C-alpha atoms as a PDB file:
ATOM      1  CA  UNK A   1     -24.818 -42.564 -11.499  1.00  0.00           C
ATOM      2  CA  UNK A   2     -26.896 -42.929  -8.362  1.00  0.00           C
ATOM      3  CA  UNK A   3     -27.001 -40.134  -5.783  1.00  0.00           C
ATOM      4  CA  UNK A   4     -25.534 -42.460  -3.148  1.00  0.00           C
ATOM      5  CA  UNK A   5     -22.653 -43.569  -5.406  1.00  0.00           C
ATOM      6  CA  UNK A   6     -21.793 -40.007  -6.408  1.00  0.00           C
ATOM      7  CA  UNK A   7     -21.850 -38.784  -2.812  1.00  0.00           C
ATOM      8  CA  UNK A   8     -19.673 -41.723  -1.735  1.00  0.00           C
ATOM      9  CA  UNK A   9     -17.162 -40.947  -4.497  1.00  0.00           C
ATOM     10  CA  UNK A  10     -16.929 -37.321  -3.365  1.00  0.00           C
ATOM     11  CA  UNK A  11     -16.550 -38.318   0.298  1.00  0.00           C
ATOM     12  CA  UNK A  12     -13.765 -40.765  -0.578  1.00  0.00           C
ATOM     13  CA  UNK A  13     -11.753 -38.391  -2.791  1.00  0.00           C
ATOM     14  CA  UNK A  14     -12.095 -34.898  -1.291  1.00  0.00           C
ATOM     15  CA  UNK A  15      -9.698 -34.624   1.643  1.00  0.00           C
ATOM     16  CA  UNK A  16      -8.709 -30.941   1.516  1.00  0.00           C
ATOM     17  CA  UNK A  17     -11.985 -29.445   2.753  1.00  0.00           C
ATOM     18  CA  UNK A  18     -13.242 -29.685   6.304  1.00  0.00           C
ATOM     19  CA  UNK A  19     -16.141 -29.890   6.757  1.00  0.00           C
ATOM     20  CA  UNK A  20     -17.088 -31.724   3.593  1.00  0.00           C
ATOM     21  CA  UNK A  21     -20.799 -31.060   3.135  1.00  0.00           C
ATOM     22  CA  UNK A  22     -23.403 -32.534   0.786  1.00  0.00           C
ATOM     23  CA  UNK A  23     -27.187 -32.166   0.464  1.00  0.00           C
ATOM     24  CA  UNK A  24     -28.927 -34.956   2.384  1.00  0.00           C
ATOM     25  CA  UNK A  25     -32.467 -34.646   0.974  1.00  0.00           C
ATOM     26  CA  UNK A  26     -31.842 -35.473  -2.689  1.00  0.00           C
ATOM     27  CA  UNK A  27     -34.198 -38.311  -3.582  1.00  0.00           C
ATOM     28  CA  UNK A  28     -32.678 -41.646  -4.572  1.00  0.00           C
ATOM     29  CA  UNK A  29     -34.855 -41.453  -7.712  1.00  0.00           C
ATOM     30  CA  UNK A  30     -32.694 -38.579  -8.986  1.00  0.00           C
ATOM     31  CA  UNK A  31     -29.461 -39.138 -10.919  1.00  0.00           C
ATOM     32  CA  UNK A  32     -26.103 -37.569 -10.166  1.00  0.00           C
ATOM     33  CA  UNK A  33     -23.102 -36.598 -12.227  1.00  0.00           C
ATOM     34  CA  UNK A  34     -19.799 -35.606 -10.651  1.00  0.00           C
ATOM     35  CA  UNK A  35     -18.442 -33.019 -13.085  1.00  0.00           C
ATOM     36  CA  UNK A  36     -15.322 -31.928 -11.141  1.00  0.00           C
ATOM     37  CA  UNK A  37     -13.415 -33.861  -8.522  1.00  0.00           C
ATOM     38  CA  UNK A  38     -10.088 -33.115  -6.852  1.00  0.00           C
ATOM     39  CA  UNK A  39      -8.660 -33.322  -3.322  1.00  0.00           C
ATOM     40  CA  UNK A  40      -9.763 -29.752  -2.484  1.00  0.00           C
ATOM     41  CA  UNK A  41     -12.942 -29.268  -4.527  1.00  0.00           C
ATOM     42  CA  UNK A  42     -15.826 -30.920  -6.336  1.00  0.00           C
ATOM     43  CA  UNK A  43     -18.891 -30.145  -8.404  1.00  0.00           C
ATOM     44  CA  UNK A  44     -21.933 -32.395  -8.630  1.00  0.00           C
ATOM     45  CA  UNK A  45     -25.111 -32.089 -10.668  1.00  0.00           C
ATOM     46  CA  UNK A  46     -28.269 -33.813  -9.424  1.00  0.00           C
ATOM     47  CA  UNK A  47     -31.129 -34.212 -11.941  1.00  0.00           C
ATOM     48  CA  UNK A  48     -34.770 -35.139 -11.331  1.00  0.00           C
ATOM     49  CA  UNK A  49     -36.183 -38.212 -13.115  1.00  0.00           C
ATOM     50  CA  UNK A  50     -38.308 -36.058 -15.441  1.00  0.00           C
ATOM     51  CA  UNK A  51     -35.308 -33.760 -16.183  1.00  0.00           C
ATOM     52  CA  UNK A  52     -37.245 -30.622 -15.104  1.00  0.00           C
ATOM     53  CA  UNK A  53     -35.224 -29.877 -11.957  1.00  0.00           C
ATOM     54  CA  UNK A  54     -31.513 -29.695 -11.257  1.00  0.00           C
ATOM     55  CA  UNK A  55     -29.402 -28.995  -8.207  1.00  0.00           C
ATOM     56  CA  UNK A  56     -25.737 -28.151  -8.572  1.00  0.00           C
ATOM     57  CA  UNK A  57     -23.502 -28.178  -5.519  1.00  0.00           C
ATOM     58  CA  UNK A  58     -19.795 -27.423  -5.348  1.00  0.00           C
ATOM     59  CA  UNK A  59     -16.777 -26.324  -3.416  1.00  0.00           C
ATOM     60  CA  UNK A  60     -15.620 -23.477  -5.619  1.00  0.00           C
ATOM     61  CA  UNK A  61     -14.979 -19.758  -5.522  1.00  0.00           C
ATOM     62  CA  UNK A  62     -17.819 -18.727  -7.847  1.00  0.00           C
ATOM     63  CA  UNK A  63     -18.264 -15.482  -9.708  1.00  0.00           C
ATOM     64  CA  UNK A  64     -21.925 -15.455 -10.795  1.00  0.00           C
ATOM     65  CA  UNK A  65     -23.475 -12.424 -12.422  1.00  0.00           C
ATOM     66  CA  UNK A  66     -25.698  -9.893 -10.684  1.00  0.00           C
ATOM     67  CA  UNK A  67     -29.478 -10.214 -10.763  1.00  0.00           C
ATOM     68  CA  UNK A  68     -31.412  -8.868 -13.729  1.00  0.00           C
ATOM     69  CA  UNK A  69     -34.262  -6.361 -13.494  1.00  0.00           C
ATOM     70  CA  UNK A  70     -36.662  -8.970 -12.077  1.00  0.00           C
ATOM     71  CA  UNK A  71     -34.093 -10.564  -9.778  1.00  0.00           C
ATOM     72  CA  UNK A  72     -33.351 -10.163  -6.100  1.00  0.00           C
ATOM     73  CA  UNK A  73     -30.415 -10.691  -3.746  1.00  0.00           C
ATOM     74  CA  UNK A  74     -30.254 -11.050   0.022  1.00  0.00           C
ATOM     75  CA  UNK A  75     -27.684 -11.934   2.672  1.00  0.00           C
ATOM     76  CA  UNK A  76     -29.280 -14.746   4.719  1.00  0.00           C
ATOM     77  CA  UNK A  77     -26.366 -15.225   7.167  1.00  0.00           C
ATOM     78  CA  UNK A  78     -26.385 -18.872   6.080  1.00  0.00           C
ATOM     79  CA  UNK A  79     -24.523 -21.188   8.470  1.00  0.00           C
ATOM     80  CA  UNK A  80     -23.320 -18.086  10.308  1.00  0.00           C
ATOM     81  CA  UNK A  81     -21.621 -16.509   7.265  1.00  0.00           C
ATOM     82  CA  UNK A  82     -22.593 -12.827   7.311  1.00  0.00           C
ATOM     83  CA  UNK A  83     -21.220 -12.528   3.746  1.00  0.00           C
ATOM     84  CA  UNK A  84     -23.441 -15.322   2.351  1.00  0.00           C
ATOM     85  CA  UNK A  85     -25.360 -14.265  -0.726  1.00  0.00           C
ATOM     86  CA  UNK A  86     -28.662 -15.639  -2.053  1.00  0.00           C
ATOM     87  CA  UNK A  87     -30.003 -14.698  -5.483  1.00  0.00           C
ATOM     88  CA  UNK A  88     -33.249 -15.379  -7.331  1.00  0.00           C
ATOM     89  CA  UNK A  89     -32.873 -14.593 -11.023  1.00  0.00           C
ATOM     90  CA  UNK A  90     -36.559 -13.746 -11.646  1.00  0.00           C
ATOM     91  CA  UNK A  91     -38.769 -13.250  -8.595  1.00  0.00           C
ATOM     92  CA  UNK A  92     -41.890 -13.233 -10.819  1.00  0.00           C
ATOM     93  CA  UNK A  93     -41.301 -16.910 -11.713  1.00  0.00           C
ATOM     94  CA  UNK A  94     -41.881 -19.410  -8.842  1.00  0.00           C
ATOM     95  CA  UNK A  95     -39.280 -21.878 -10.161  1.00  0.00           C
ATOM     96  CA  UNK A  96     -36.703 -19.360 -11.352  1.00  0.00           C
ATOM     97  CA  UNK A  97     -33.026 -20.240 -11.193  1.00  0.00           C
ATOM     98  CA  UNK A  98     -31.590 -19.398  -7.778  1.00  0.00           C
ATOM     99  CA  UNK A  99     -28.235 -19.769  -6.061  1.00  0.00           C
ATOM    100  CA  UNK A 100     -26.428 -19.214  -2.802  1.00  0.00           C
ATOM    101  CA  UNK A 101     -22.764 -18.681  -1.952  1.00  0.00           C
ATOM    102  CA  UNK A 102     -21.320 -19.021   1.532  1.00  0.00           C
ATOM    103  CA  UNK A 103     -18.111 -19.873   3.344  1.00  0.00           C
ATOM    104  CA  UNK A 104     -18.575 -22.725   5.774  1.00  0.00           C
ATOM    105  CA  UNK A 105     -16.457 -22.391   8.940  1.00  0.00           C
ATOM    106  CA  UNK A 106     -13.563 -24.818   8.640  1.00  0.00           C
ATOM    107  CA  UNK A 107     -10.361 -25.320   6.695  1.00  0.00           C
ATOM    108  CA  UNK A 108      -9.678 -25.521   2.970  1.00  0.00           C
ATOM    109  CA  UNK A 109      -6.475 -26.601   1.228  1.00  0.00           C
ATOM    110  CA  UNK A 110      -6.945 -23.861  -1.408  1.00  0.00           C
ATOM    111  CA  UNK A 111      -7.208 -20.638   0.608  1.00  0.00           C
ATOM    112  CA  UNK A 112      -9.260 -17.876  -1.009  1.00  0.00           C
ATOM    113  CA  UNK A 113      -8.622 -15.033   1.428  1.00  0.00           C
ATOM    114  CA  UNK A 114     -11.755 -15.751   3.456  1.00  0.00           C
ATOM    115  CA  UNK A 115     -12.028 -18.157   6.361  1.00  0.00           C
ATOM    116  CA  UNK A 116     -13.578 -21.539   5.733  1.00  0.00           C
ATOM    117  CA  UNK A 117     -14.716 -23.587   2.763  1.00  0.00           C
ATOM    118  CA  UNK A 118     -16.462 -21.828  -0.168  1.00  0.00           C
ATOM    119  CA  UNK A 119     -19.690 -23.577  -1.100  1.00  0.00           C
ATOM    120  CA  UNK A 120     -22.007 -22.822  -4.015  1.00  0.00           C
ATOM    121  CA  UNK A 121     -25.559 -24.148  -4.365  1.00  0.00           C
ATOM    122  CA  UNK A 122     -27.559 -23.456  -7.516  1.00  0.00           C
ATOM    123  CA  UNK A 123     -30.929 -24.798  -8.618  1.00  0.00           C
ATOM    124  CA  UNK A 124     -33.129 -24.807 -11.690  1.00  0.00           C
ATOM    125  CA  UNK A 125     -36.848 -25.597 -11.560  1.00  0.00           C
ATOM    126  CA  UNK A 126     -37.187 -25.494  -7.769  1.00  0.00           C
ATOM    127  CA  UNK A 127     -39.433 -23.158  -5.803  1.00  0.00           C
ATOM    128  CA  UNK A 128     -38.080 -20.995  -3.010  1.00  0.00           C
ATOM    129  CA  UNK A 129     -39.403 -23.475  -0.436  1.00  0.00           C
ATOM    130  CA  UNK A 130     -37.811 -26.430  -2.238  1.00  0.00           C
ATOM    131  CA  UNK A 131     -34.506 -24.530  -2.483  1.00  0.00           C
ATOM    132  CA  UNK A 132     -34.459 -23.898   1.265  1.00  0.00           C
ATOM    133  CA  UNK A 133     -35.385 -27.518   2.021  1.00  0.00           C
ATOM    134  CA  UNK A 134     -32.242 -28.573   0.134  1.00  0.00           C
ATOM    135  CA  UNK A 135     -30.075 -25.802   1.606  1.00  0.00           C
ATOM    136  CA  UNK A 136     -31.137 -26.509   5.172  1.00  0.00           C
ATOM    137  CA  UNK A 137     -30.341 -30.210   4.730  1.00  0.00           C
ATOM    138  CA  UNK A 138     -26.715 -29.651   3.689  1.00  0.00           C
ATOM    139  CA  UNK A 139     -24.594 -31.539   6.199  1.00  0.00           C
END
């Protein structure tokens, strides 16, 4: 499915999360697969044309594992969430898997005990700079 079609499907079906955010810098040459879709949550997987990079984005309350011995975590205060958490699985590898969790200020039809909407961004094959380009273009 095209990136535009997948994003449009999410925007038309998810009504229980405000704001409803999506990455805006995913190239139209990438493909997209909506793997979960309901009124209060979604999960989408974007894949590069050469299949070497992926970006997963979701409204979900995730429970990822802690970093390994070569990993690192930080709290970037992303979108004003002082509890946001960013993890690089192996800081010795430039394109290591990395993810970020944050609660976006707003309302969610499935309350999780924290204010706002729980977002989860995870990437494979992207550098730190590429990760932050995607993260900073989530609107």
